[in-house]
C-alpha atoms as a PDB file:
ATOM      1  CA  MET A   1    -156.151 122.363 -11.655  1.00  0.00           C
ATOM      2  CA  LYS A   2    -157.189 119.879  -9.016  1.00  0.00           C
ATOM      3  CA  GLN A   3    -154.406 118.083  -7.239  1.00  0.00           C
ATOM      4  CA  LYS A   4    -154.387 114.298  -7.280  1.00  0.00           C
ATOM      5  CA  SER A   5    -153.975 114.189  -3.487  1.00  0.00           C
ATOM      6  CA  ASN A   6    -157.106 116.318  -2.974  1.00  0.00           C
ATOM      7  CA  ILE A   7    -159.100 114.051  -5.280  1.00  0.00           C
ATOM      8  CA  ILE A   8    -157.930 110.942  -3.407  1.00  0.00           C
ATOM      9  CA  LEU A   9    -158.744 112.557  -0.056  1.00  0.00           C
ATOM     10  CA  GLY A  10    -162.111 113.805  -1.315  1.00  0.00           C
ATOM     11  CA  ILE A  11    -163.137 110.363  -2.558  1.00  0.00           C
ATOM     12  CA  TYR A  12    -161.990 108.742   0.697  1.00  0.00           C
ATOM     13  CA  ASP A  13    -163.970 111.327   2.703  1.00  0.00           C
ATOM     14  CA  LEU A  14    -167.030 110.717   0.537  1.00  0.00           C
ATOM     15  CA  VAL A  15    -166.842 106.951   1.080  1.00  0.00           C
ATOM     16  CA  LEU A  16    -166.435 107.442   4.849  1.00  0.00           C
ATOM     17  CA  GLY A  17    -169.327 109.911   4.914  1.00  0.00           C
ATOM     18  CA  ILE A  18    -171.713 107.633   3.037  1.00  0.00           C
ATOM     19  CA  THR A  19    -170.665 104.684   5.205  1.00  0.00           C
ATOM     20  CA  ALA A  20    -171.258 106.677   8.405  1.00  0.00           C
ATOM     21  CA  ILE A  21    -174.723 107.700   7.209  1.00  0.00           C
ATOM     22  CA  VAL A  22    -175.643 104.111   6.294  1.00  0.00           C
ATOM     23  CA  ILE A  23    -174.419 102.775   9.657  1.00  0.00           C
ATOM     24  CA  GLY A  24    -176.171 105.624  11.490  1.00  0.00           C
ATOM     25  CA  ILE A  25    -179.460 104.849   9.739  1.00  0.00           C
ATOM     26  CA  GLN A  26    -179.067 101.160  10.597  1.00  0.00           C
ATOM     27  CA  MET A  27    -178.493 102.090  14.235  1.00  0.00           C
ATOM     28  CA  ILE A  28    -181.568 104.323  14.315  1.00  0.00           C
ATOM     29  CA  GLN A  29    -183.786 101.758  12.594  1.00  0.00           C
ATOM     30  CA  SER A  30    -182.595  98.758  14.602  1.00  0.00           C
ATOM     31  CA  ASN A  31    -185.332  96.751  16.292  1.00  0.00           C
ATOM     32  CA  SER A  32    -186.057  97.907  19.842  1.00  0.00           C
ATOM     33  CA  GLY A  33    -183.047 100.218  19.682  1.00  0.00           C
ATOM     34  CA  ILE A  34    -180.511  97.372  19.762  1.00  0.00           C
ATOM     35  CA  PHE A  35    -177.928  97.484  16.994  1.00  0.00           C
ATOM     36  CA  SER A  36    -177.047  93.894  16.142  1.00  0.00           C
ATOM     37  CA  GLU A  37    -173.443  94.728  15.209  1.00  0.00           C
ATOM     38  CA  TYR A  38    -172.545  95.491  18.831  1.00  0.00           C
ATOM     39  CA  PRO A  39    -173.097  93.419  21.966  1.00  0.00           C
ATOM     40  CA  THR A  40    -176.251  94.348  23.898  1.00  0.00           C
ATOM     41  CA  GLU A  41    -174.229  94.449  27.144  1.00  0.00           C
ATOM     42  CA  TRP A  42    -172.468  97.574  25.920  1.00  0.00           C
ATOM     43  CA  LEU A  43    -175.612  99.638  26.436  1.00  0.00           C
ATOM     44  CA  PHE A  44    -175.288  99.113  30.199  1.00  0.00           C
ATOM     45  CA  LYS A  45    -171.824 100.710  30.158  1.00  0.00           C
ATOM     46  CA  LEU A  46    -172.624 103.590  27.786  1.00  0.00           C
ATOM     47  CA  PRO A  47    -174.574 106.760  28.588  1.00  0.00           C
ATOM     48  CA  PHE A  48    -177.291 105.782  26.064  1.00  0.00           C
ATOM     49  CA  ASN A  49    -180.496 103.732  26.392  1.00  0.00           C
ATOM     50  CA  SER A  50    -180.373 102.545  22.780  1.00  0.00           C
ATOM     51  CA  TRP A  51    -178.315 102.911  19.611  1.00  0.00           C
ATOM     52  CA  VAL A  52    -180.525 105.759  18.347  1.00  0.00           C
ATOM     53  CA  GLN A  53    -178.403 108.545  19.896  1.00  0.00           C
ATOM     54  CA  PRO A  54    -175.079 107.144  18.625  1.00  0.00           C
ATOM     55  CA  GLY A  55    -176.733 106.676  15.213  1.00  0.00           C
ATOM     56  CA  ILE A  56    -177.678 110.348  15.118  1.00  0.00           C
ATOM     57  CA  ILE A  57    -174.126 111.289  16.143  1.00  0.00           C
ATOM     58  CA  ALA A  58    -172.712 109.043  13.401  1.00  0.00           C
ATOM     59  CA  ILE A  59    -174.915 110.712  10.778  1.00  0.00           C
ATOM     60  CA  LEU A  60    -174.343 114.297  11.873  1.00  0.00           C
ATOM     61  CA  LEU A  61    -170.718 114.256  12.981  1.00  0.00           C
ATOM     62  CA  PHE A  62    -169.075 111.642  10.778  1.00  0.00           C
ATOM     63  CA  GLY A  63    -171.503 111.468   7.856  1.00  0.00           C
ATOM     64  CA  ALA A  64    -172.060 115.196   7.356  1.00  0.00           C
ATOM     65  CA  GLY A  65    -168.517 116.055   8.482  1.00  0.00           C
ATOM     66  CA  ASN A  66    -166.906 113.758   5.944  1.00  0.00           C
ATOM     67  CA  ILE A  67    -169.236 114.822   3.139  1.00  0.00           C
ATOM     68  CA  PHE A  68    -168.434 118.476   3.911  1.00  0.00           C
ATOM     69  CA  SER A  69    -164.718 117.610   3.816  1.00  0.00           C
ATOM     70  CA  ALA A  70    -165.188 115.712   0.542  1.00  0.00           C
ATOM     71  CA  ILE A  71    -166.897 118.710  -1.062  1.00  0.00           C
ATOM     72  CA  MET A  72    -164.074 120.985   0.094  1.00  0.00           C
ATOM     73  CA  CYS A  73    -161.413 118.635  -1.272  1.00  0.00           C
ATOM     74  CA  LEU A  74    -163.125 117.889  -4.579  1.00  0.00           C
ATOM     75  CA  ASN A  75    -164.105 121.523  -5.123  1.00  0.00           C
ATOM     76  CA  ASP A  76    -160.479 122.486  -4.422  1.00  0.00           C
ATOM     77  CA  SER A  77    -161.500 126.043  -3.622  1.00  0.00           C
ATOM     78  CA  PHE A  78    -159.908 126.180  -0.170  1.00  0.00           C
ATOM     79  CA  ASN A  79    -156.151 125.818   0.196  1.00  0.00           C
ATOM     80  CA  MET A  80    -156.532 124.066   3.566  1.00  0.00           C
ATOM     81  CA  SER A  81    -159.239 121.531   2.653  1.00  0.00           C
ATOM     82  CA  TRP A  82    -156.989 118.795   4.050  1.00  0.00           C
ATOM     83  CA  LEU A  83    -157.523 120.263   7.526  1.00  0.00           C
ATOM     84  CA  SER A  84    -161.235 119.479   7.737  1.00  0.00           C
ATOM     85  CA  SER A  85    -160.515 115.859   6.777  1.00  0.00           C
ATOM     86  CA  ALA A  86    -157.762 115.575   9.358  1.00  0.00           C
ATOM     87  CA  LEU A  87    -160.056 116.991  12.061  1.00  0.00           C
ATOM     88  CA  VAL A  88    -162.870 114.545  11.261  1.00  0.00           C
ATOM     89  CA  GLY A  89    -160.333 111.693  11.288  1.00  0.00           C
ATOM     90  CA  LEU A  90    -159.004 112.887  14.641  1.00  0.00           C
ATOM     91  CA  MET A  91    -162.550 113.032  16.055  1.00  0.00           C
ATOM     92  CA  LEU A  92    -163.093 109.457  14.884  1.00  0.00           C
ATOM     93  CA  LEU A  93    -159.917 108.321  16.647  1.00  0.00           C
ATOM     94  CA  ILE A  94    -160.923 110.134  19.841  1.00  0.00           C
ATOM     95  CA  CYS A  95    -164.368 108.498  19.771  1.00  0.00           C
ATOM     96  CA  VAL A  96    -162.898 105.028  19.241  1.00  0.00           C
ATOM     97  CA  ILE A  97    -160.369 105.537  22.048  1.00  0.00           C
ATOM     98  CA  ALA A  98    -163.147 106.794  24.356  1.00  0.00           C
ATOM     99  CA  GLN A  99    -165.306 103.799  23.431  1.00  0.00           C
ATOM    100  CA  VAL A 100    -162.504 101.325  24.138  1.00  0.00           C
ATOM    101  CA  THR A 101    -161.704 103.095  27.411  1.00  0.00           C
ATOM    102  CA  ILE A 102    -165.344 103.051  28.574  1.00  0.00           C
ATOM    103  CA  LEU A 103    -166.068  99.493  27.461  1.00  0.00           C
ATOM    104  CA  GLY A 104    -162.679  98.048  28.325  1.00  0.00           C
ATOM    105  CA  GLU A 105    -162.489  95.968  25.150  1.00  0.00           C
ATOM    106  CA  TRP A 106    -161.861  96.141  21.409  1.00  0.00           C
ATOM    107  CA  TYR A 107    -164.473  94.935  18.988  1.00  0.00           C
ATOM    108  CA  LEU A 108    -163.950  94.341  15.248  1.00  0.00           C
ATOM    109  CA  PRO A 109    -165.814  97.511  14.132  1.00  0.00           C
ATOM    110  CA  SER A 110    -163.712  99.506  16.619  1.00  0.00           C
ATOM    111  CA  VAL A 111    -160.544  98.310  14.923  1.00  0.00           C
ATOM    112  CA  GLU A 112    -161.984  99.127  11.491  1.00  0.00           C
ATOM    113  CA  PHE A 113    -163.035 102.636  12.578  1.00  0.00           C
ATOM    114  CA  PHE A 114    -159.643 103.210  14.181  1.00  0.00           C
ATOM    115  CA  ALA A 115    -157.890 102.152  10.973  1.00  0.00           C
ATOM    116  CA  ALA A 116    -160.209 104.376   8.898  1.00  0.00           C
ATOM    117  CA  GLY A 117    -159.321 107.376  11.091  1.00  0.00           C
ATOM    118  CA  ILE A 118    -155.589 106.695  10.847  1.00  0.00           C
ATOM    119  CA  ILE A 119    -155.806 106.326   7.067  1.00  0.00           C
ATOM    120  CA  GLN A 120    -157.806 109.560   6.817  1.00  0.00           C
ATOM    121  CA  ILE A 121    -155.189 111.457   8.826  1.00  0.00           C
ATOM    122  CA  PHE A 122    -152.348 110.019   6.715  1.00  0.00           C
ATOM    123  CA  ILE A 123    -154.084 110.920   3.439  1.00  0.00           C
ATOM    124  CA  SER A 124    -154.738 114.407   4.855  1.00  0.00           C
ATOM    125  CA  GLY A 125    -151.026 114.710   5.627  1.00  0.00           C
ATOM    126  CA  TYR A 126    -150.238 113.548   2.099  1.00  0.00           C
ATOM    127  CA  ALA A 127    -152.580 116.210   0.693  1.00  0.00           C
ATOM    128  CA  LEU A 128    -150.881 118.835   2.875  1.00  0.00           C
ATOM    129  CA  THR A 129    -147.367 117.915   1.819  1.00  0.00           C
ATOM    130  CA  THR A 130    -148.186 117.704  -1.892  1.00  0.00           C
ATOM    131  CA  ARG A 131    -150.301 120.857  -2.183  1.00  0.00           C
ATOM    132  CA  LYS A 132    -149.135 123.622  -4.438  1.00  0.00           C
ATOM    133  CA  ILE A 133    -148.816 126.987  -2.788  1.00  0.00           C
ATOM    134  CA  SER A 134    -150.648 129.551  -4.851  1.00  0.00           C
END
Protein backbone atom coordinates (compact mmCIF):
# COMPACT_ATOMS: atom_id res chain seq x y z
CA MET A 1 0.00 0.00 0.00
CA LYS A 2 1.26 3.44 -0.88
CA GLN A 3 2.04 5.72 2.01
CA LYS A 4 0.31 9.08 2.18
CA SER A 5 3.66 10.85 2.68
CA ASN A 6 5.08 9.31 -0.52
CA ILE A 7 2.01 10.41 -2.48
CA ILE A 8 2.29 13.97 -1.15
CA LEU A 9 6.02 14.05 -1.95
CA GLY A 10 5.46 12.53 -5.39
CA ILE A 11 2.81 15.10 -6.30
CA TYR A 12 5.00 17.94 -5.02
CA ASP A 13 7.95 16.62 -7.06
CA LEU A 14 5.75 16.33 -10.14
CA VAL A 15 4.56 19.94 -9.79
CA LEU A 16 8.15 21.16 -9.32
CA GLY A 17 9.32 19.11 -12.30
CA ILE A 18 6.63 20.42 -14.64
CA THR A 19 7.25 23.97 -13.43
CA ALA A 20 11.00 23.64 -14.02
CA ILE A 21 10.40 22.35 -17.55
CA VAL A 22 7.98 25.19 -18.35
CA ILE A 23 10.39 27.83 -17.00
CA GLY A 24 13.31 26.18 -18.82
CA ILE A 25 11.41 26.24 -22.12
CA GLN A 26 10.53 29.90 -21.56
CA MET A 27 14.20 30.67 -20.94
CA ILE A 28 15.27 28.84 -24.10
CA GLN A 29 12.60 30.47 -26.25
CA SER A 30 13.05 33.99 -24.90
CA ASN A 31 13.68 36.66 -27.52
CA SER A 32 17.37 37.24 -28.21
CA GLY A 33 18.25 34.97 -25.29
CA ILE A 34 17.05 37.44 -22.65
CA PHE A 35 14.61 35.99 -20.13
CA SER A 36 12.24 38.78 -19.13
CA GLU A 37 11.77 37.46 -15.59
CA TYR A 38 15.35 38.35 -14.64
CA PRO A 39 17.23 41.62 -15.04
CA THR A 40 19.39 41.79 -18.18
CA GLU A 41 22.33 43.06 -16.09
CA TRP A 42 22.62 39.64 -14.48
CA LEU A 43 24.02 38.16 -17.69
CA PHE A 44 27.15 40.29 -17.26
CA LYS A 45 27.81 38.69 -13.87
CA LEU A 46 26.98 35.10 -14.83
CA PRO A 47 29.12 32.71 -16.88
CA PHE A 48 26.43 32.58 -19.62
CA ASN A 49 25.82 34.70 -22.73
CA SER A 50 22.05 34.15 -22.64
CA TRP A 51 19.37 32.32 -20.67
CA VAL A 52 19.52 29.31 -23.02
CA GLN A 53 22.14 27.41 -20.98
CA PRO A 54 20.37 27.95 -17.63
CA GLY A 55 17.11 26.92 -19.34
CA ILE A 56 18.67 23.64 -20.43
CA ILE A 57 19.99 23.09 -16.90
CA ALA A 58 16.53 23.82 -15.46
CA ILE A 59 14.94 21.26 -17.78
CA LEU A 60 17.51 18.51 -17.33
CA LEU A 61 18.48 18.88 -13.68
CA PHE A 62 15.33 20.16 -11.98
CA GLY A 63 12.65 19.12 -14.47
CA ALA A 64 13.87 15.59 -15.18
CA GLY A 65 15.25 15.17 -11.65
CA ASN A 66 11.95 16.02 -10.01
CA ILE A 67 9.92 13.92 -12.44
CA PHE A 68 12.23 10.96 -11.77
CA SER A 69 11.75 11.53 -8.02
CA ALA A 70 7.98 11.79 -8.49
CA ILE A 71 7.88 8.47 -10.35
CA MET A 72 9.92 6.82 -7.60
CA CYS A 73 7.65 8.20 -4.88
CA LEU A 74 4.36 7.47 -6.63
CA ASN A 75 5.49 4.02 -7.77
CA ASP A 76 6.54 3.31 -4.17
CA SER A 77 8.85 0.53 -5.31
CA PHE A 78 11.99 1.87 -3.64
CA ASN A 79 12.15 2.19 0.13
CA MET A 80 14.38 5.27 -0.10
CA SER A 81 12.44 7.26 -2.73
CA TRP A 82 12.47 10.22 -0.34
CA LEU A 83 16.24 10.48 -0.85
CA SER A 84 16.09 11.44 -4.53
CA SER A 85 13.61 14.22 -3.69
CA ALA A 86 15.79 15.50 -0.87
CA LEU A 87 18.84 15.54 -3.15
CA VAL A 88 17.04 17.50 -5.89
CA GLY A 89 15.79 19.95 -3.24
CA LEU A 90 19.32 20.31 -1.89
CA MET A 91 20.66 20.97 -5.40
CA LEU A 92 18.02 23.67 -5.83
CA LEU A 93 19.08 25.33 -2.57
CA ILE A 94 22.75 25.18 -3.58
CA CYS A 95 21.97 26.77 -6.96
CA VAL A 96 19.94 29.57 -5.36
CA ILE A 97 22.67 30.25 -2.79
CA ALA A 98 25.31 30.28 -5.57
CA GLN A 99 23.15 32.64 -7.63
CA VAL A 100 22.67 35.04 -4.71
CA THR A 101 26.39 34.88 -3.91
CA ILE A 102 27.42 35.60 -7.52
CA LEU A 103 24.84 38.32 -8.13
CA GLY A 104 24.96 39.84 -4.67
CA GLU A 105 21.19 40.28 -4.47
CA TRP A 106 17.92 38.43 -3.93
CA TYR A 107 15.22 38.55 -6.55
CA LEU A 108 11.61 37.39 -6.09
CA PRO A 109 12.03 34.14 -8.10
CA SER A 110 15.14 33.37 -6.02
CA VAL A 111 13.08 33.54 -2.85
CA GLU A 112 10.37 31.35 -4.40
CA PHE A 113 12.91 28.74 -5.56
CA PHE A 114 14.59 28.79 -2.16
CA ALA A 115 11.25 28.23 -0.44
CA ALA A 116 10.39 25.42 -2.89
CA GLY A 117 13.69 23.68 -2.07
CA ILE A 118 13.15 24.01 1.68
CA ILE A 119 9.61 22.66 1.39
CA GLN A 120 10.83 19.75 -0.74
CA ILE A 121 13.47 18.83 1.85
CA PHE A 122 10.93 19.05 4.70
CA ILE A 123 8.40 16.86 2.85
CA SER A 124 11.23 14.40 2.10
CA GLY A 125 12.04 14.31 5.81
CA TYR A 126 8.36 13.74 6.56
CA ALA A 127 8.30 10.84 4.09
CA LEU A 128 11.42 9.39 5.73
CA THR A 129 10.05 9.58 9.25
CA THR A 130 6.64 8.16 8.36
CA ARG A 131 7.79 5.30 6.12
CA LYS A 132 7.00 1.77 7.12
CA ILE A 133 9.98 -0.52 7.35
CA SER A 134 9.28 -3.64 5.37
